[in-house]
N, C-alpha and C. Protein backbone atom coordinates (compact mmCIF):
# COMPACT_ATOMS: atom_id res chain seq x y z
N MET A 1 54.40 -153.66 191.44
CA MET A 1 53.77 -153.81 190.12
C MET A 1 53.52 -155.28 189.84
N LYS A 2 52.32 -155.60 189.39
CA LYS A 2 51.94 -156.99 189.15
C LYS A 2 51.67 -157.20 187.67
N ILE A 3 52.42 -158.14 187.08
CA ILE A 3 52.35 -158.37 185.63
C ILE A 3 52.05 -159.83 185.34
N LEU A 4 51.16 -160.07 184.39
CA LEU A 4 50.85 -161.42 183.93
C LEU A 4 51.42 -161.62 182.53
N ILE A 5 52.24 -162.66 182.35
CA ILE A 5 52.76 -163.03 181.03
C ILE A 5 52.09 -164.32 180.60
N ALA A 6 51.45 -164.30 179.45
CA ALA A 6 50.80 -165.50 178.93
C ALA A 6 51.41 -165.85 177.57
N ASP A 7 52.16 -166.94 177.53
CA ASP A 7 52.81 -167.40 176.30
C ASP A 7 53.07 -168.87 176.45
N ASP A 8 52.85 -169.64 175.38
CA ASP A 8 53.02 -171.09 175.49
C ASP A 8 54.47 -171.54 175.38
N HIS A 9 55.40 -170.61 175.18
CA HIS A 9 56.82 -170.95 175.12
C HIS A 9 57.53 -170.49 176.39
N ASN A 10 58.03 -171.45 177.14
CA ASN A 10 58.70 -171.14 178.39
C ASN A 10 59.90 -170.22 178.18
N LEU A 11 60.64 -170.42 177.09
CA LEU A 11 61.82 -169.60 176.82
C LEU A 11 61.44 -168.14 176.63
N VAL A 12 60.29 -167.90 176.01
CA VAL A 12 59.83 -166.52 175.82
C VAL A 12 59.51 -165.90 177.17
N ARG A 13 58.79 -166.63 178.00
CA ARG A 13 58.41 -166.10 179.32
C ARG A 13 59.64 -165.79 180.16
N GLU A 14 60.58 -166.72 180.15
CA GLU A 14 61.81 -166.52 180.93
C GLU A 14 62.64 -165.38 180.35
N GLY A 15 62.64 -165.27 179.04
CA GLY A 15 63.41 -164.21 178.39
C GLY A 15 62.86 -162.82 178.67
N LEU A 16 61.56 -162.73 178.89
CA LEU A 16 60.94 -161.43 179.15
C LEU A 16 61.18 -160.94 180.58
N ARG A 17 61.38 -161.84 181.50
CA ARG A 17 61.47 -161.48 182.92
C ARG A 17 62.47 -160.36 183.21
N PRO A 18 63.73 -160.46 182.74
CA PRO A 18 64.71 -159.42 183.08
C PRO A 18 64.28 -158.03 182.61
N PHE A 19 63.59 -157.97 181.48
CA PHE A 19 63.17 -156.68 180.96
C PHE A 19 61.96 -156.14 181.72
N LEU A 20 61.05 -157.02 182.10
CA LEU A 20 59.89 -156.59 182.88
C LEU A 20 60.31 -156.10 184.26
N GLU A 21 61.36 -156.68 184.79
CA GLU A 21 61.84 -156.27 186.11
C GLU A 21 62.44 -154.87 186.09
N GLU A 22 62.72 -154.35 184.90
CA GLU A 22 63.22 -152.98 184.77
C GLU A 22 62.11 -151.95 184.88
N LEU A 23 60.87 -152.38 184.80
CA LEU A 23 59.75 -151.46 184.80
C LEU A 23 59.47 -150.84 186.16
N ASP A 24 59.91 -151.51 187.23
CA ASP A 24 59.62 -151.02 188.57
C ASP A 24 60.60 -151.66 189.55
N SER A 25 60.77 -151.04 190.69
CA SER A 25 61.70 -151.59 191.69
C SER A 25 61.15 -152.83 192.36
N ASN A 26 59.84 -153.02 192.28
CA ASN A 26 59.21 -154.19 192.90
C ASN A 26 58.18 -154.77 191.94
N VAL A 27 58.60 -155.77 191.17
CA VAL A 27 57.73 -156.36 190.15
C VAL A 27 57.42 -157.81 190.49
N GLU A 28 56.13 -158.11 190.53
CA GLU A 28 55.68 -159.50 190.70
C GLU A 28 55.22 -159.99 189.34
N ILE A 29 55.85 -161.07 188.86
CA ILE A 29 55.54 -161.60 187.54
C ILE A 29 54.88 -162.97 187.69
N VAL A 30 53.70 -163.12 187.10
CA VAL A 30 52.97 -164.38 187.12
C VAL A 30 52.90 -164.90 185.69
N GLU A 31 53.11 -166.21 185.53
CA GLU A 31 53.16 -166.80 184.19
C GLU A 31 51.98 -167.71 183.91
N ALA A 32 51.62 -167.78 182.62
CA ALA A 32 50.59 -168.71 182.15
C ALA A 32 51.03 -169.23 180.79
N ASP A 33 50.64 -170.49 180.47
CA ASP A 33 51.09 -171.09 179.21
C ASP A 33 49.97 -171.28 178.19
N SER A 34 48.79 -170.75 178.48
CA SER A 34 47.68 -170.82 177.53
C SER A 34 46.70 -169.71 177.89
N PHE A 35 45.76 -169.44 176.99
CA PHE A 35 44.79 -168.40 177.31
C PHE A 35 43.90 -168.82 178.47
N ASP A 36 43.43 -170.06 178.45
CA ASP A 36 42.54 -170.51 179.52
C ASP A 36 43.22 -170.39 180.88
N ASN A 37 44.50 -170.77 180.94
CA ASN A 37 45.27 -170.66 182.17
C ASN A 37 45.41 -169.19 182.57
N ALA A 38 45.71 -168.34 181.59
CA ALA A 38 45.88 -166.90 181.86
C ALA A 38 44.58 -166.27 182.37
N TYR A 39 43.47 -166.65 181.73
CA TYR A 39 42.18 -166.06 182.11
C TYR A 39 41.79 -166.49 183.53
N GLU A 40 42.04 -167.75 183.84
CA GLU A 40 41.74 -168.25 185.18
C GLU A 40 42.55 -167.50 186.24
N ILE A 41 43.83 -167.30 185.96
CA ILE A 41 44.70 -166.58 186.89
C ILE A 41 44.28 -165.11 186.99
N ALA A 42 44.01 -164.50 185.85
CA ALA A 42 43.69 -163.07 185.82
C ALA A 42 42.42 -162.75 186.57
N THR A 43 41.42 -163.63 186.49
CA THR A 43 40.14 -163.35 187.13
C THR A 43 40.15 -163.61 188.63
N GLN A 44 41.26 -164.11 189.15
CA GLN A 44 41.38 -164.32 190.59
C GLN A 44 41.77 -163.05 191.33
N SER A 45 42.11 -162.02 190.58
CA SER A 45 42.57 -160.77 191.18
C SER A 45 42.21 -159.61 190.25
N ASP A 46 42.11 -158.42 190.82
CA ASP A 46 41.82 -157.24 189.99
C ASP A 46 42.89 -156.17 190.15
N ASP A 47 44.06 -156.58 190.64
CA ASP A 47 45.12 -155.59 190.88
C ASP A 47 46.28 -155.71 189.88
N TRP A 48 45.98 -156.19 188.67
CA TRP A 48 47.02 -156.30 187.65
C TRP A 48 47.37 -154.92 187.10
N HIS A 49 48.66 -154.69 186.88
CA HIS A 49 49.10 -153.44 186.27
C HIS A 49 49.32 -153.60 184.76
N LEU A 50 49.60 -154.84 184.34
CA LEU A 50 49.89 -155.08 182.92
C LEU A 50 49.67 -156.56 182.61
N ILE A 51 49.07 -156.83 181.46
CA ILE A 51 48.86 -158.20 181.01
C ILE A 51 49.44 -158.34 179.60
N LEU A 52 50.35 -159.29 179.43
CA LEU A 52 50.98 -159.55 178.13
C LEU A 52 50.49 -160.90 177.62
N MET A 53 50.02 -160.95 176.39
CA MET A 53 49.49 -162.19 175.85
C MET A 53 50.01 -162.47 174.44
N ASP A 54 50.43 -163.70 174.22
CA ASP A 54 50.85 -164.13 172.88
C ASP A 54 49.60 -164.30 172.02
N LEU A 55 49.65 -163.77 170.82
CA LEU A 55 48.49 -163.82 169.94
C LEU A 55 48.16 -165.22 169.47
N LYS A 56 49.18 -166.09 169.34
CA LYS A 56 48.97 -167.41 168.75
C LYS A 56 48.96 -168.57 169.75
N MET A 57 48.95 -168.26 171.04
CA MET A 57 49.01 -169.35 172.02
C MET A 57 47.68 -170.11 172.06
N PRO A 58 47.69 -171.36 172.56
CA PRO A 58 46.48 -172.16 172.64
C PRO A 58 45.35 -171.45 173.39
N GLY A 59 44.15 -171.51 172.83
CA GLY A 59 42.98 -170.94 173.48
C GLY A 59 42.65 -169.51 173.10
N MET A 60 43.60 -168.83 172.42
CA MET A 60 43.34 -167.42 172.08
C MET A 60 42.20 -167.28 171.07
N ASN A 61 42.09 -168.25 170.13
CA ASN A 61 41.04 -168.20 169.13
C ASN A 61 41.04 -166.85 168.41
N ALA A 62 42.19 -166.59 167.77
CA ALA A 62 42.42 -165.30 167.10
C ALA A 62 42.32 -164.17 168.12
N PHE A 63 41.42 -163.22 167.90
CA PHE A 63 41.33 -162.07 168.81
C PHE A 63 40.23 -162.22 169.86
N ASP A 64 39.54 -163.34 169.86
CA ASP A 64 38.46 -163.52 170.83
C ASP A 64 39.01 -163.51 172.27
N GLY A 65 40.18 -164.12 172.46
CA GLY A 65 40.79 -164.14 173.79
C GLY A 65 41.15 -162.74 174.26
N LEU A 66 41.65 -161.92 173.34
CA LEU A 66 41.98 -160.55 173.69
C LEU A 66 40.74 -159.80 174.16
N VAL A 67 39.66 -159.92 173.41
CA VAL A 67 38.42 -159.23 173.77
C VAL A 67 37.93 -159.69 175.14
N LYS A 68 37.99 -160.98 175.38
CA LYS A 68 37.52 -161.53 176.65
C LYS A 68 38.34 -161.00 177.82
N MET A 69 39.68 -160.95 177.62
CA MET A 69 40.55 -160.47 178.69
C MET A 69 40.33 -158.97 178.94
N CYS A 70 40.18 -158.21 177.88
CA CYS A 70 39.94 -156.77 178.02
C CYS A 70 38.62 -156.48 178.72
N GLU A 71 37.62 -157.29 178.44
CA GLU A 71 36.32 -157.11 179.09
C GLU A 71 36.41 -157.47 180.57
N ALA A 72 37.24 -158.46 180.91
CA ALA A 72 37.39 -158.87 182.29
C ALA A 72 38.18 -157.84 183.10
N HIS A 73 39.12 -157.17 182.42
CA HIS A 73 39.97 -156.18 183.10
C HIS A 73 40.04 -154.89 182.28
N PRO A 74 38.95 -154.14 182.25
CA PRO A 74 38.89 -152.94 181.40
C PRO A 74 39.87 -151.83 181.79
N LYS A 75 40.34 -151.84 183.03
CA LYS A 75 41.24 -150.79 183.49
C LYS A 75 42.71 -151.19 183.40
N THR A 76 42.96 -152.43 183.00
CA THR A 76 44.34 -152.93 182.91
C THR A 76 44.79 -152.97 181.46
N PRO A 77 45.94 -152.37 181.13
CA PRO A 77 46.41 -152.45 179.74
C PRO A 77 46.79 -153.88 179.36
N VAL A 78 46.23 -154.34 178.26
CA VAL A 78 46.53 -155.67 177.74
C VAL A 78 47.33 -155.50 176.46
N VAL A 79 48.51 -156.09 176.43
CA VAL A 79 49.42 -155.93 175.29
C VAL A 79 49.59 -157.26 174.57
N ILE A 80 49.51 -157.22 173.25
CA ILE A 80 49.71 -158.42 172.44
C ILE A 80 51.20 -158.59 172.13
N LEU A 81 51.70 -159.80 172.36
CA LEU A 81 53.05 -160.19 171.95
C LEU A 81 52.90 -161.12 170.76
N SER A 82 53.71 -160.93 169.74
CA SER A 82 53.59 -161.83 168.60
C SER A 82 54.87 -161.90 167.78
N GLY A 83 55.17 -163.11 167.34
CA GLY A 83 56.27 -163.31 166.42
C GLY A 83 55.78 -163.26 164.99
N HIS A 84 54.46 -163.15 164.82
CA HIS A 84 53.84 -163.11 163.49
C HIS A 84 53.27 -161.72 163.29
N PHE A 85 54.03 -160.88 162.63
CA PHE A 85 53.66 -159.47 162.52
C PHE A 85 53.08 -159.14 161.15
N ASN A 86 51.93 -158.52 161.15
CA ASN A 86 51.45 -157.89 159.92
C ASN A 86 50.50 -156.74 160.28
N ARG A 87 50.32 -155.87 159.34
CA ARG A 87 49.58 -154.64 159.56
C ARG A 87 48.14 -154.92 160.01
N HIS A 88 47.51 -155.90 159.38
CA HIS A 88 46.13 -156.22 159.73
C HIS A 88 46.01 -156.62 161.20
N ASP A 89 46.92 -157.46 161.66
CA ASP A 89 46.88 -157.90 163.06
C ASP A 89 47.04 -156.72 164.02
N VAL A 90 47.94 -155.80 163.68
CA VAL A 90 48.17 -154.64 164.55
C VAL A 90 46.88 -153.83 164.68
N LEU A 91 46.27 -153.50 163.55
CA LEU A 91 45.05 -152.70 163.57
C LEU A 91 43.92 -153.43 164.27
N GLU A 92 43.80 -154.71 163.98
CA GLU A 92 42.73 -155.50 164.60
C GLU A 92 42.89 -155.55 166.11
N ALA A 93 44.12 -155.74 166.57
CA ALA A 93 44.38 -155.82 168.01
C ALA A 93 44.00 -154.52 168.71
N VAL A 94 44.39 -153.40 168.12
CA VAL A 94 44.07 -152.10 168.73
C VAL A 94 42.57 -151.85 168.71
N GLU A 95 41.92 -152.21 167.61
CA GLU A 95 40.46 -152.02 167.51
C GLU A 95 39.72 -152.89 168.53
N ARG A 96 40.31 -154.04 168.86
CA ARG A 96 39.66 -154.97 169.80
C ARG A 96 40.00 -154.65 171.26
N GLY A 97 40.81 -153.62 171.48
CA GLY A 97 41.05 -153.21 172.86
C GLY A 97 42.47 -153.30 173.37
N ALA A 98 43.40 -153.81 172.56
CA ALA A 98 44.79 -153.92 173.02
C ALA A 98 45.40 -152.54 173.24
N ALA A 99 46.22 -152.43 174.28
CA ALA A 99 46.92 -151.18 174.57
C ALA A 99 48.23 -151.09 173.80
N GLY A 100 48.59 -152.20 173.15
CA GLY A 100 49.82 -152.19 172.37
C GLY A 100 50.00 -153.50 171.64
N TYR A 101 50.88 -153.49 170.66
CA TYR A 101 51.21 -154.68 169.87
C TYR A 101 52.72 -154.71 169.77
N VAL A 102 53.34 -155.67 170.44
CA VAL A 102 54.81 -155.71 170.52
C VAL A 102 55.35 -156.94 169.80
N PRO A 103 56.08 -156.74 168.69
CA PRO A 103 56.71 -157.88 168.02
C PRO A 103 57.80 -158.47 168.91
N LYS A 104 57.91 -159.77 168.94
CA LYS A 104 58.93 -160.41 169.76
C LYS A 104 60.34 -160.17 169.22
N THR A 105 60.42 -159.63 168.02
CA THR A 105 61.72 -159.42 167.39
C THR A 105 62.38 -158.10 167.81
N ILE A 106 61.67 -157.21 168.51
CA ILE A 106 62.28 -155.94 168.88
C ILE A 106 63.27 -156.16 170.02
N SER A 107 64.18 -155.22 170.18
CA SER A 107 65.21 -155.34 171.22
C SER A 107 64.59 -155.23 172.60
N GLY A 108 65.31 -155.73 173.58
CA GLY A 108 64.83 -155.68 174.96
C GLY A 108 64.59 -154.26 175.43
N SER A 109 65.52 -153.37 175.11
CA SER A 109 65.37 -151.98 175.55
C SER A 109 64.17 -151.32 174.88
N SER A 110 63.94 -151.64 173.62
CA SER A 110 62.78 -151.08 172.92
C SER A 110 61.49 -151.63 173.52
N MET A 111 61.50 -152.89 173.92
CA MET A 111 60.31 -153.47 174.54
C MET A 111 60.02 -152.79 175.87
N VAL A 112 61.06 -152.56 176.66
CA VAL A 112 60.88 -151.89 177.95
C VAL A 112 60.26 -150.51 177.74
N ASN A 113 60.79 -149.77 176.78
CA ASN A 113 60.27 -148.43 176.52
C ASN A 113 58.85 -148.45 175.96
N ALA A 114 58.56 -149.47 175.16
CA ALA A 114 57.20 -149.61 174.63
C ALA A 114 56.22 -149.87 175.77
N LEU A 115 56.60 -150.72 176.70
CA LEU A 115 55.72 -151.04 177.83
C LEU A 115 55.59 -149.86 178.78
N ARG A 116 56.66 -149.08 178.93
CA ARG A 116 56.56 -147.87 179.75
C ARG A 116 55.57 -146.89 179.13
N LEU A 117 55.57 -146.81 177.81
CA LEU A 117 54.62 -145.95 177.12
C LEU A 117 53.20 -146.41 177.40
N VAL A 118 52.98 -147.72 177.34
CA VAL A 118 51.66 -148.28 177.62
C VAL A 118 51.24 -148.00 179.06
N LEU A 119 52.17 -148.18 179.99
CA LEU A 119 51.86 -147.96 181.40
C LEU A 119 51.55 -146.49 181.70
N SER A 120 52.04 -145.60 180.82
CA SER A 120 51.76 -144.17 181.01
C SER A 120 50.37 -143.79 180.48
N GLY A 121 49.69 -144.77 179.89
CA GLY A 121 48.34 -144.52 179.39
C GLY A 121 48.23 -144.37 177.89
N GLU A 122 49.37 -144.51 177.19
CA GLU A 122 49.38 -144.40 175.73
C GLU A 122 49.28 -145.79 175.09
N LYS A 123 49.12 -145.81 173.78
CA LYS A 123 49.14 -147.06 173.04
C LYS A 123 50.47 -147.19 172.29
N TYR A 124 50.99 -148.41 172.21
CA TYR A 124 52.22 -148.63 171.45
C TYR A 124 51.90 -149.41 170.18
N ILE A 125 52.29 -148.83 169.04
CA ILE A 125 52.13 -149.48 167.74
C ILE A 125 53.50 -149.49 167.08
N PRO A 126 54.01 -150.64 166.65
CA PRO A 126 55.33 -150.69 166.02
C PRO A 126 55.38 -149.89 164.73
N SER A 127 56.50 -149.22 164.52
CA SER A 127 56.62 -148.33 163.37
C SER A 127 56.47 -149.06 162.04
N ALA A 128 56.85 -150.33 161.99
CA ALA A 128 56.75 -151.09 160.74
C ALA A 128 55.31 -151.18 160.24
N ALA A 129 54.35 -150.99 161.13
CA ALA A 129 52.94 -151.04 160.72
C ALA A 129 52.58 -149.88 159.83
N PHE A 130 53.41 -148.84 159.83
CA PHE A 130 53.13 -147.65 159.03
C PHE A 130 54.04 -147.53 157.82
N GLN A 131 54.81 -148.58 157.56
CA GLN A 131 55.76 -148.53 156.46
C GLN A 131 55.39 -149.56 155.40
N ASP A 132 55.62 -149.22 154.15
CA ASP A 132 55.34 -150.14 153.06
C ASP A 132 56.51 -151.08 152.86
N THR A 133 56.61 -152.07 153.74
CA THR A 133 57.68 -153.06 153.68
C THR A 133 57.06 -154.44 153.70
N PRO A 134 57.81 -155.48 153.31
CA PRO A 134 57.27 -156.84 153.37
C PRO A 134 56.81 -157.21 154.77
N GLU A 135 57.41 -156.58 155.82
CA GLU A 135 57.03 -156.90 157.19
C GLU A 135 55.58 -156.57 157.47
N SER A 136 55.09 -155.49 156.84
CA SER A 136 53.72 -155.08 157.13
C SER A 136 52.73 -156.12 156.61
N ASN A 137 53.05 -156.78 155.48
CA ASN A 137 52.33 -157.96 155.00
C ASN A 137 50.83 -157.77 154.88
N ASP A 138 50.41 -156.56 154.54
CA ASP A 138 48.97 -156.32 154.42
C ASP A 138 48.79 -154.98 153.74
N ASP A 139 47.72 -154.84 152.96
CA ASP A 139 47.51 -153.56 152.29
C ASP A 139 46.38 -152.77 152.92
N ARG A 140 45.91 -153.23 154.08
CA ARG A 140 44.89 -152.46 154.77
C ARG A 140 45.54 -151.24 155.41
N PRO A 141 45.03 -150.04 155.15
CA PRO A 141 45.72 -148.84 155.63
C PRO A 141 45.61 -148.64 157.13
N ILE A 142 46.71 -148.23 157.75
CA ILE A 142 46.70 -147.75 159.13
C ILE A 142 47.24 -146.34 159.04
N GLY A 143 46.38 -145.34 159.02
CA GLY A 143 46.83 -143.99 158.75
C GLY A 143 47.44 -143.99 157.36
N ARG A 144 48.61 -143.32 157.20
CA ARG A 144 49.34 -143.34 155.95
C ARG A 144 50.73 -143.84 156.22
N SER A 145 51.30 -144.53 155.26
CA SER A 145 52.63 -145.07 155.44
C SER A 145 53.65 -143.95 155.42
N ALA A 146 54.86 -144.25 155.96
CA ALA A 146 55.92 -143.26 156.01
C ALA A 146 56.23 -142.74 154.63
N GLY A 147 56.23 -143.63 153.64
CA GLY A 147 56.62 -143.23 152.30
C GLY A 147 55.60 -142.35 151.61
N SER A 148 54.37 -142.28 152.13
CA SER A 148 53.35 -141.49 151.46
C SER A 148 53.31 -140.05 151.93
N MET A 149 54.10 -139.72 152.94
CA MET A 149 54.09 -138.35 153.43
C MET A 149 54.73 -137.41 152.41
N ASN A 150 54.23 -136.19 152.33
CA ASN A 150 54.87 -135.21 151.46
C ASN A 150 55.13 -133.93 152.22
N ALA A 151 55.78 -132.98 151.58
CA ALA A 151 56.28 -131.79 152.27
C ALA A 151 55.19 -130.91 152.86
N THR A 152 53.94 -131.08 152.43
CA THR A 152 52.88 -130.21 152.92
C THR A 152 52.02 -130.89 153.98
N ASP A 153 52.40 -132.06 154.43
CA ASP A 153 51.58 -132.82 155.36
C ASP A 153 51.78 -132.38 156.81
N GLY A 154 50.73 -131.82 157.42
CA GLY A 154 50.59 -131.61 158.83
C GLY A 154 51.82 -131.25 159.66
N PRO A 155 51.81 -131.67 160.94
CA PRO A 155 52.89 -131.30 161.86
C PRO A 155 54.25 -131.85 161.47
N LEU A 156 54.29 -132.96 160.77
CA LEU A 156 55.58 -133.55 160.41
C LEU A 156 56.30 -132.74 159.35
N SER A 157 55.58 -131.94 158.59
CA SER A 157 56.20 -131.17 157.52
C SER A 157 57.12 -130.09 158.06
N ARG A 158 56.95 -129.75 159.34
CA ARG A 158 57.77 -128.70 159.93
C ARG A 158 59.09 -129.22 160.49
N LEU A 159 59.25 -130.53 160.50
CA LEU A 159 60.46 -131.13 161.07
C LEU A 159 61.59 -131.19 160.04
N SER A 160 62.81 -130.99 160.52
CA SER A 160 63.98 -131.15 159.65
C SER A 160 64.24 -132.64 159.46
N ASP A 161 65.13 -132.98 158.53
CA ASP A 161 65.46 -134.39 158.29
C ASP A 161 66.01 -135.03 159.56
N ARG A 162 66.88 -134.31 160.27
CA ARG A 162 67.46 -134.85 161.51
C ARG A 162 66.38 -135.06 162.56
N GLU A 163 65.45 -134.13 162.66
CA GLU A 163 64.37 -134.26 163.64
C GLU A 163 63.47 -135.44 163.30
N LYS A 164 63.22 -135.66 162.01
CA LYS A 164 62.43 -136.83 161.61
C LYS A 164 63.16 -138.12 161.95
N GLU A 165 64.46 -138.11 161.77
CA GLU A 165 65.27 -139.29 162.10
C GLU A 165 65.18 -139.59 163.59
N ILE A 166 65.29 -138.56 164.40
CA ILE A 166 65.19 -138.73 165.85
C ILE A 166 63.79 -139.15 166.25
N LEU A 167 62.79 -138.58 165.61
CA LEU A 167 61.40 -138.96 165.90
C LEU A 167 61.18 -140.44 165.61
N GLY A 168 61.76 -140.94 164.51
CA GLY A 168 61.64 -142.36 164.19
C GLY A 168 62.19 -143.24 165.30
N HIS A 169 63.34 -142.84 165.84
CA HIS A 169 63.94 -143.61 166.95
C HIS A 169 63.08 -143.49 168.21
N LEU A 170 62.48 -142.33 168.41
CA LEU A 170 61.61 -142.12 169.55
C LEU A 170 60.41 -143.06 169.48
N ILE A 171 59.84 -143.19 168.30
CA ILE A 171 58.68 -144.05 168.09
C ILE A 171 59.04 -145.51 168.31
N GLU A 172 60.29 -145.86 168.00
CA GLU A 172 60.75 -147.24 168.23
C GLU A 172 60.91 -147.54 169.71
N GLY A 173 60.82 -146.51 170.56
CA GLY A 173 60.93 -146.72 171.99
C GLY A 173 62.32 -146.52 172.55
N ASN A 174 63.23 -145.94 171.76
CA ASN A 174 64.60 -145.73 172.22
C ASN A 174 64.68 -144.57 173.21
N THR A 175 65.58 -144.68 174.17
CA THR A 175 65.81 -143.61 175.12
C THR A 175 66.70 -142.55 174.48
N ASN A 176 66.82 -141.40 175.13
CA ASN A 176 67.70 -140.34 174.62
C ASN A 176 69.13 -140.85 174.46
N LYS A 177 69.58 -141.61 175.44
CA LYS A 177 70.94 -142.14 175.41
C LYS A 177 71.13 -143.08 174.23
N GLU A 178 70.15 -143.93 173.98
CA GLU A 178 70.23 -144.87 172.86
C GLU A 178 70.20 -144.15 171.51
N ILE A 179 69.37 -143.12 171.42
CA ILE A 179 69.30 -142.34 170.18
C ILE A 179 70.65 -141.67 169.92
N ALA A 180 71.22 -141.10 170.97
CA ALA A 180 72.51 -140.42 170.83
C ALA A 180 73.58 -141.39 170.34
N ARG A 181 73.59 -142.59 170.92
CA ARG A 181 74.60 -143.59 170.54
C ARG A 181 74.42 -144.02 169.09
N LYS A 182 73.19 -144.28 168.69
CA LYS A 182 72.92 -144.76 167.33
C LYS A 182 73.22 -143.71 166.26
N LEU A 183 73.04 -142.43 166.62
CA LEU A 183 73.24 -141.36 165.64
C LEU A 183 74.58 -140.67 165.78
N GLY A 184 75.37 -141.08 166.76
CA GLY A 184 76.68 -140.47 166.95
C GLY A 184 76.59 -139.04 167.45
N LEU A 185 75.59 -138.77 168.30
CA LEU A 185 75.39 -137.42 168.83
C LEU A 185 75.61 -137.40 170.34
N GLN A 186 75.79 -136.20 170.88
CA GLN A 186 75.79 -136.03 172.32
C GLN A 186 74.35 -136.11 172.83
N GLU A 187 74.14 -136.65 174.03
CA GLU A 187 72.79 -136.77 174.56
C GLU A 187 72.12 -135.40 174.70
N ILE A 188 72.89 -134.38 175.05
CA ILE A 188 72.31 -133.04 175.18
C ILE A 188 71.81 -132.53 173.83
N THR A 189 72.49 -132.94 172.75
CA THR A 189 72.05 -132.54 171.40
C THR A 189 70.71 -133.18 171.07
N VAL A 190 70.56 -134.45 171.46
CA VAL A 190 69.29 -135.14 171.25
C VAL A 190 68.17 -134.43 172.01
N LYS A 191 68.45 -134.02 173.23
CA LYS A 191 67.45 -133.33 174.05
C LYS A 191 67.02 -132.01 173.40
N VAL A 192 67.98 -131.32 172.82
CA VAL A 192 67.66 -130.06 172.13
C VAL A 192 66.76 -130.34 170.93
N HIS A 193 67.10 -131.37 170.15
CA HIS A 193 66.27 -131.73 169.00
C HIS A 193 64.86 -132.11 169.45
N LEU A 194 64.77 -132.85 170.55
CA LEU A 194 63.46 -133.27 171.04
C LEU A 194 62.61 -132.07 171.46
N ARG A 195 63.24 -131.09 172.10
CA ARG A 195 62.49 -129.89 172.47
C ARG A 195 61.94 -129.19 171.23
N ASN A 196 62.74 -129.15 170.18
CA ASN A 196 62.28 -128.54 168.93
C ASN A 196 61.17 -129.36 168.29
N ILE A 197 61.29 -130.69 168.36
CA ILE A 197 60.26 -131.57 167.81
C ILE A 197 58.94 -131.34 168.55
N TYR A 198 58.98 -131.31 169.89
CA TYR A 198 57.76 -131.10 170.66
C TYR A 198 57.12 -129.76 170.31
N ARG A 199 57.97 -128.72 170.17
CA ARG A 199 57.45 -127.38 169.86
C ARG A 199 56.78 -127.37 168.49
N LYS A 200 57.44 -127.93 167.50
CA LYS A 200 56.91 -127.92 166.14
C LYS A 200 55.65 -128.78 166.00
N MET A 201 55.59 -129.86 166.78
CA MET A 201 54.43 -130.74 166.70
C MET A 201 53.34 -130.35 167.69
N GLN A 202 53.63 -129.32 168.51
CA GLN A 202 52.71 -128.88 169.55
C GLN A 202 52.38 -130.03 170.50
N ALA A 203 53.42 -130.75 170.89
CA ALA A 203 53.30 -131.88 171.81
C ALA A 203 53.85 -131.49 173.17
N ALA A 204 53.20 -131.93 174.22
CA ALA A 204 53.63 -131.59 175.57
C ALA A 204 54.80 -132.46 176.04
N ASN A 205 54.88 -133.68 175.50
CA ASN A 205 55.92 -134.60 175.95
C ASN A 205 56.15 -135.66 174.87
N ARG A 206 57.07 -136.61 175.15
CA ARG A 206 57.41 -137.62 174.15
C ARG A 206 56.23 -138.53 173.85
N ALA A 207 55.42 -138.86 174.86
CA ALA A 207 54.27 -139.73 174.63
C ALA A 207 53.29 -139.09 173.66
N GLN A 208 53.05 -137.79 173.84
CA GLN A 208 52.12 -137.10 172.96
C GLN A 208 52.71 -136.95 171.55
N ALA A 209 54.02 -136.73 171.48
CA ALA A 209 54.68 -136.62 170.17
C ALA A 209 54.55 -137.94 169.41
N VAL A 210 54.74 -139.05 170.12
CA VAL A 210 54.61 -140.36 169.50
C VAL A 210 53.20 -140.57 168.99
N ARG A 211 52.22 -140.20 169.80
CA ARG A 211 50.82 -140.38 169.39
C ARG A 211 50.49 -139.55 168.15
N ILE A 212 50.93 -138.30 168.14
CA ILE A 212 50.67 -137.42 166.99
C ILE A 212 51.33 -137.99 165.73
N ALA A 213 52.58 -138.46 165.89
CA ALA A 213 53.31 -138.99 164.74
C ALA A 213 52.65 -140.25 164.20
N LEU A 214 52.23 -141.14 165.09
CA LEU A 214 51.61 -142.38 164.66
C LEU A 214 50.28 -142.12 163.94
N GLN A 215 49.59 -141.10 164.38
CA GLN A 215 48.33 -140.77 163.74
C GLN A 215 48.54 -140.13 162.36
N ALA A 216 49.67 -139.43 162.21
CA ALA A 216 49.91 -138.70 160.98
C ALA A 216 50.78 -139.44 159.97
N GLY A 217 51.64 -140.37 160.43
CA GLY A 217 52.64 -141.00 159.58
C GLY A 217 53.91 -140.18 159.59
N TRP A 218 55.01 -140.72 159.09
CA TRP A 218 56.26 -139.96 159.07
C TRP A 218 57.19 -140.52 158.01
N GLU A 219 58.17 -139.73 157.64
CA GLU A 219 59.17 -140.13 156.66
C GLU A 219 60.40 -140.66 157.38
N THR A 220 61.06 -141.65 156.78
CA THR A 220 62.30 -142.16 157.33
C THR A 220 63.43 -141.95 156.35
């Protein structure tokens, strides 16, 4: 697996390496410290499996760099990394072609799971983008916020409170083991809840359940 990390902070690039190496048994990681450097490296090859780019690094010019990279590598998922999170940026990034938007503040395990979701062909959007919190920092709607859901709303209305709680952790990118630990449950119990969640949401797997939930919104 070949991954390009583009970020102007060396500590960020070095910090990401151990987590990216969890994505595959054989990972080649190439680094760049600016958009121009990243674009030059990226266009020398067409066998990239994943491209990670900092939204605020030199040369990005807001989302123009993202668009340029996506056009150069239309079959490669390009994920935005950012320490500056707001709802508008998330929506804009996805509209401009990003396969995901990953805040640098999320845990390493959540980042790994988010990137695995992206590599499976899905899009990753942080749950905070759908919540009415100061973190979202924007009033432009992305679907409906978690707090706006009511008892008659779509597939989520069929979930129990516990199932909604587990779904929230699933959307955050947590594994079954992590969900079990955080909720004080046995892992087999989490698996049973997940099977019920998939059935009620008419989802074939966790990736599809996440996509349905993100499109519909959810309660926490």
